[in-house]
Amino acid sequence: MEITEKLEGLIEKAKGDAALKDRLLATRNSSNPVAEFCDIATECGFPMSVMDIVNQGEEFYAEIKRSTNGGGENSPDLDFQNDEYSIFMMRLSDL
């Protein structure tokens, strides 16, 4: 199962489980939010690591950069990176 499928499965599970949703949202206040988030996800049957989250964001960013004007040095400066954790938290907050 790819990380995107795991994140989607986790958000679907949280839709029906208010306690899980609250636990996941509470990770935003943790001293190590992504690690705590991954621990909860793994407990819920969606095993993932911090590197899975980081790599997913970096891979998406790299794909965008490569697809713009041939990529490489010709691509415009993109001053953002896809932060999967933050995107997940925004989606979860909107449930």
N, C-alpha and C. Protein backbone atom coordinates (compact mmCIF):
# COMPACT_ATOMS: atom_id res chain seq x y z
N MET A 1 0.86 -1.18 0.00
CA MET A 1 0.00 0.00 0.00
C MET A 1 0.90 1.24 0.00
N GLU A 2 0.65 2.15 -0.90
CA GLU A 2 1.41 3.39 -0.99
C GLU A 2 1.03 4.33 0.15
N ILE A 3 1.90 5.29 0.43
CA ILE A 3 1.66 6.22 1.53
C ILE A 3 0.38 7.03 1.30
N THR A 4 0.10 7.39 0.04
CA THR A 4 -1.12 8.16 -0.23
C THR A 4 -2.36 7.33 0.10
N GLU A 5 -2.31 6.04 -0.18
CA GLU A 5 -3.44 5.16 0.14
C GLU A 5 -3.58 5.00 1.66
N LYS A 6 -2.46 4.93 2.35
CA LYS A 6 -2.51 4.82 3.81
C LYS A 6 -3.10 6.09 4.43
N LEU A 7 -2.68 7.25 3.94
CA LEU A 7 -3.21 8.51 4.47
C LEU A 7 -4.70 8.63 4.18
N GLU A 8 -5.10 8.20 2.99
CA GLU A 8 -6.53 8.25 2.65
C GLU A 8 -7.33 7.30 3.53
N GLY A 9 -6.79 6.11 3.76
CA GLY A 9 -7.46 5.15 4.64
C GLY A 9 -7.57 5.66 6.07
N LEU A 10 -6.52 6.32 6.53
CA LEU A 10 -6.53 6.87 7.88
C LEU A 10 -7.56 7.98 8.02
N ILE A 11 -7.66 8.83 7.03
CA ILE A 11 -8.65 9.92 7.13
C ILE A 11 -10.07 9.36 7.07
N GLU A 12 -10.25 8.30 6.28
CA GLU A 12 -11.58 7.67 6.23
C GLU A 12 -11.93 7.05 7.58
N LYS A 13 -10.96 6.43 8.22
CA LYS A 13 -11.19 5.84 9.53
C LYS A 13 -11.49 6.92 10.56
N ALA A 14 -10.79 8.03 10.48
CA ALA A 14 -11.00 9.13 11.43
C ALA A 14 -12.37 9.79 11.25
N LYS A 15 -12.92 9.72 10.05
CA LYS A 15 -14.26 10.29 9.81
C LYS A 15 -15.30 9.64 10.71
N GLY A 16 -15.14 8.34 10.94
CA GLY A 16 -16.11 7.62 11.75
C GLY A 16 -15.70 7.41 13.20
N ASP A 17 -14.57 7.97 13.59
CA ASP A 17 -14.04 7.74 14.93
C ASP A 17 -13.56 9.08 15.51
N ALA A 18 -14.42 9.72 16.28
CA ALA A 18 -14.11 11.04 16.82
C ALA A 18 -12.89 11.01 17.74
N ALA A 19 -12.71 9.94 18.49
CA ALA A 19 -11.56 9.84 19.39
C ALA A 19 -10.26 9.78 18.59
N LEU A 20 -10.27 9.03 17.50
CA LEU A 20 -9.09 8.95 16.63
C LEU A 20 -8.81 10.31 16.00
N LYS A 21 -9.84 10.95 15.53
CA LYS A 21 -9.67 12.29 14.94
C LYS A 21 -9.03 13.23 15.95
N ASP A 22 -9.52 13.23 17.18
CA ASP A 22 -8.98 14.10 18.22
C ASP A 22 -7.52 13.76 18.53
N ARG A 23 -7.19 12.47 18.58
CA ARG A 23 -5.80 12.06 18.84
C ARG A 23 -4.88 12.55 17.73
N LEU A 24 -5.32 12.39 16.50
CA LEU A 24 -4.49 12.82 15.37
C LEU A 24 -4.31 14.34 15.38
N LEU A 25 -5.39 15.07 15.61
CA LEU A 25 -5.29 16.53 15.66
C LEU A 25 -4.41 17.00 16.81
N ALA A 26 -4.42 16.27 17.91
CA ALA A 26 -3.61 16.64 19.07
C ALA A 26 -2.11 16.53 18.79
N THR A 27 -1.73 15.77 17.76
CA THR A 27 -0.30 15.65 17.45
C THR A 27 0.30 17.00 17.05
N ARG A 28 -0.53 17.92 16.62
CA ARG A 28 -0.03 19.25 16.24
C ARG A 28 0.64 19.96 17.41
N ASN A 29 0.27 19.58 18.64
CA ASN A 29 0.84 20.20 19.84
C ASN A 29 2.00 19.42 20.42
N SER A 30 2.38 18.35 19.77
CA SER A 30 3.46 17.49 20.26
C SER A 30 4.82 18.12 19.97
N SER A 31 5.81 17.70 20.75
CA SER A 31 7.18 18.17 20.48
C SER A 31 7.74 17.51 19.23
N ASN A 32 7.16 16.38 18.83
CA ASN A 32 7.57 15.69 17.61
C ASN A 32 6.30 15.22 16.89
N PRO A 33 5.57 16.16 16.27
CA PRO A 33 4.24 15.86 15.76
C PRO A 33 4.18 14.77 14.69
N VAL A 34 5.10 14.76 13.75
CA VAL A 34 5.03 13.78 12.66
C VAL A 34 5.32 12.37 13.19
N ALA A 35 6.27 12.24 14.10
CA ALA A 35 6.57 10.93 14.67
C ALA A 35 5.37 10.40 15.46
N GLU A 36 4.75 11.25 16.25
CA GLU A 36 3.59 10.83 17.02
C GLU A 36 2.43 10.46 16.09
N PHE A 37 2.25 11.25 15.04
CA PHE A 37 1.23 10.97 14.03
C PHE A 37 1.47 9.58 13.42
N CYS A 38 2.71 9.29 13.06
CA CYS A 38 3.04 8.00 12.45
C CYS A 38 2.80 6.85 13.42
N ASP A 39 3.09 7.06 14.70
CA ASP A 39 2.83 6.03 15.71
C ASP A 39 1.34 5.71 15.79
N ILE A 40 0.51 6.73 15.78
CA ILE A 40 -0.95 6.53 15.85
C ILE A 40 -1.43 5.84 14.58
N ALA A 41 -0.94 6.28 13.43
CA ALA A 41 -1.34 5.68 12.16
C ALA A 41 -0.99 4.20 12.14
N THR A 42 0.20 3.87 12.62
CA THR A 42 0.65 2.48 12.65
C THR A 42 -0.22 1.65 13.58
N GLU A 43 -0.57 2.20 14.74
CA GLU A 43 -1.48 1.52 15.68
C GLU A 43 -2.82 1.21 15.02
N CYS A 44 -3.24 2.07 14.12
CA CYS A 44 -4.55 1.94 13.47
C CYS A 44 -4.51 1.07 12.21
N GLY A 45 -3.36 0.46 11.94
CA GLY A 45 -3.27 -0.44 10.79
C GLY A 45 -2.76 0.20 9.52
N PHE A 46 -2.21 1.40 9.64
CA PHE A 46 -1.65 2.10 8.49
C PHE A 46 -0.19 2.41 8.78
N PRO A 47 0.67 1.39 8.74
CA PRO A 47 2.07 1.60 9.12
C PRO A 47 2.77 2.61 8.22
N MET A 48 3.41 3.57 8.86
CA MET A 48 4.17 4.58 8.14
C MET A 48 5.23 5.16 9.05
N SER A 49 6.25 5.72 8.43
CA SER A 49 7.33 6.33 9.19
C SER A 49 7.42 7.81 8.84
N VAL A 50 8.20 8.51 9.62
CA VAL A 50 8.42 9.93 9.34
C VAL A 50 9.00 10.09 7.94
N MET A 51 9.92 9.22 7.57
CA MET A 51 10.53 9.31 6.24
C MET A 51 9.51 9.07 5.13
N ASP A 52 8.51 8.23 5.37
CA ASP A 52 7.45 8.05 4.38
C ASP A 52 6.73 9.36 4.11
N ILE A 53 6.43 10.09 5.19
CA ILE A 53 5.73 11.38 5.06
C ILE A 53 6.62 12.39 4.35
N VAL A 54 7.86 12.49 4.77
CA VAL A 54 8.80 13.45 4.17
C VAL A 54 9.03 13.13 2.71
N ASN A 55 9.29 11.87 2.40
CA ASN A 55 9.55 11.49 1.01
C ASN A 55 8.37 11.76 0.10
N GLN A 56 7.17 11.51 0.58
CA GLN A 56 5.99 11.76 -0.24
C GLN A 56 5.92 13.23 -0.64
N GLY A 57 6.15 14.12 0.30
CA GLY A 57 6.13 15.55 -0.01
C GLY A 57 7.22 15.94 -0.97
N GLU A 58 8.42 15.41 -0.77
CA GLU A 58 9.54 15.75 -1.63
C GLU A 58 9.36 15.19 -3.04
N GLU A 59 8.83 13.97 -3.14
CA GLU A 59 8.61 13.38 -4.47
C GLU A 59 7.59 14.17 -5.26
N PHE A 60 6.52 14.61 -4.60
CA PHE A 60 5.50 15.39 -5.28
C PHE A 60 6.09 16.72 -5.76
N TYR A 61 6.85 17.35 -4.90
CA TYR A 61 7.50 18.62 -5.25
C TYR A 61 8.44 18.43 -6.44
N ALA A 62 9.21 17.35 -6.43
CA ALA A 62 10.15 17.07 -7.52
C ALA A 62 9.41 16.83 -8.83
N GLU A 63 8.27 16.15 -8.77
CA GLU A 63 7.48 15.91 -9.97
C GLU A 63 6.98 17.22 -10.57
N ILE A 64 6.52 18.12 -9.72
CA ILE A 64 6.06 19.42 -10.20
C ILE A 64 7.22 20.18 -10.83
N LYS A 65 8.34 20.18 -10.16
CA LYS A 65 9.51 20.91 -10.66
C LYS A 65 9.97 20.35 -12.00
N ARG A 66 9.99 19.02 -12.15
CA ARG A 66 10.40 18.40 -13.41
C ARG A 66 9.41 18.68 -14.53
N SER A 67 8.15 18.82 -14.20
CA SER A 67 7.14 18.98 -15.23
C SER A 67 7.01 20.42 -15.72
N THR A 68 7.72 21.34 -15.11
CA THR A 68 7.62 22.75 -15.46
C THR A 68 8.74 23.15 -16.39
N ASN A 69 8.41 23.46 -17.62
CA ASN A 69 9.39 23.90 -18.61
C ASN A 69 10.59 22.97 -18.72
N GLY A 70 10.36 21.68 -18.67
CA GLY A 70 11.45 20.73 -18.81
C GLY A 70 12.20 20.44 -17.54
N GLY A 71 11.89 21.09 -16.47
CA GLY A 71 12.53 20.83 -15.19
C GLY A 71 13.94 21.37 -15.13
N GLY A 72 14.66 20.91 -14.13
CA GLY A 72 16.05 21.33 -13.96
C GLY A 72 16.18 22.82 -13.76
N GLU A 73 17.25 23.36 -14.28
CA GLU A 73 17.54 24.78 -14.10
C GLU A 73 16.56 25.68 -14.83
N ASN A 74 15.84 25.13 -15.82
CA ASN A 74 14.90 25.94 -16.59
C ASN A 74 13.57 26.15 -15.88
N SER A 75 13.34 25.40 -14.83
CA SER A 75 12.06 25.51 -14.16
C SER A 75 12.03 26.75 -13.27
N PRO A 76 10.88 27.35 -13.15
CA PRO A 76 10.78 28.52 -12.27
C PRO A 76 11.00 28.11 -10.83
N ASP A 77 11.39 29.05 -10.03
CA ASP A 77 11.58 28.76 -8.60
C ASP A 77 10.23 28.47 -7.97
N LEU A 78 10.17 27.34 -7.34
CA LEU A 78 8.98 26.98 -6.58
C LEU A 78 9.37 27.11 -5.12
N ASP A 79 8.71 28.00 -4.41
CA ASP A 79 9.14 28.28 -3.05
C ASP A 79 8.27 27.57 -2.01
N PHE A 80 7.83 26.40 -2.36
CA PHE A 80 7.06 25.62 -1.40
C PHE A 80 7.43 24.16 -1.56
N GLN A 81 7.04 23.39 -0.58
CA GLN A 81 7.19 21.96 -0.66
C GLN A 81 5.88 21.37 -0.18
N ASN A 82 5.51 20.25 -0.74
CA ASN A 82 4.28 19.61 -0.34
C ASN A 82 4.48 18.97 1.02
N ASP A 83 3.84 19.47 2.01
CA ASP A 83 3.95 18.96 3.38
C ASP A 83 2.74 18.07 3.65
N GLU A 84 2.92 16.77 3.48
CA GLU A 84 1.82 15.81 3.62
C GLU A 84 1.15 15.87 4.99
N TYR A 85 1.94 16.05 6.03
CA TYR A 85 1.37 16.12 7.38
C TYR A 85 0.43 17.32 7.51
N SER A 86 0.89 18.49 7.08
CA SER A 86 0.05 19.69 7.18
C SER A 86 -1.21 19.58 6.33
N ILE A 87 -1.07 19.02 5.15
CA ILE A 87 -2.23 18.84 4.28
C ILE A 87 -3.23 17.89 4.93
N PHE A 88 -2.72 16.80 5.51
CA PHE A 88 -3.59 15.86 6.20
C PHE A 88 -4.33 16.55 7.34
N MET A 89 -3.61 17.34 8.12
CA MET A 89 -4.22 18.04 9.26
C MET A 89 -5.30 19.02 8.80
N MET A 90 -5.07 19.70 7.70
CA MET A 90 -6.08 20.63 7.18
C MET A 90 -7.33 19.85 6.76
N ARG A 91 -7.12 18.74 6.07
CA ARG A 91 -8.27 17.91 5.65
C ARG A 91 -9.02 17.38 6.86
N LEU A 92 -8.27 16.90 7.85
CA LEU A 92 -8.88 16.33 9.05
C LEU A 92 -9.67 17.40 9.82
N SER A 93 -9.14 18.58 9.90
CA SER A 93 -9.82 19.68 10.61
C SER A 93 -11.14 20.03 9.96
N ASP A 94 -11.21 19.85 8.65
CA ASP A 94 -12.42 20.20 7.89
C ASP A 94 -13.52 19.15 7.97
N LEU A 95 -13.22 17.99 8.57
CA LEU A 95 -14.24 16.93 8.65
C LEU A 95 -15.35 17.31 9.60
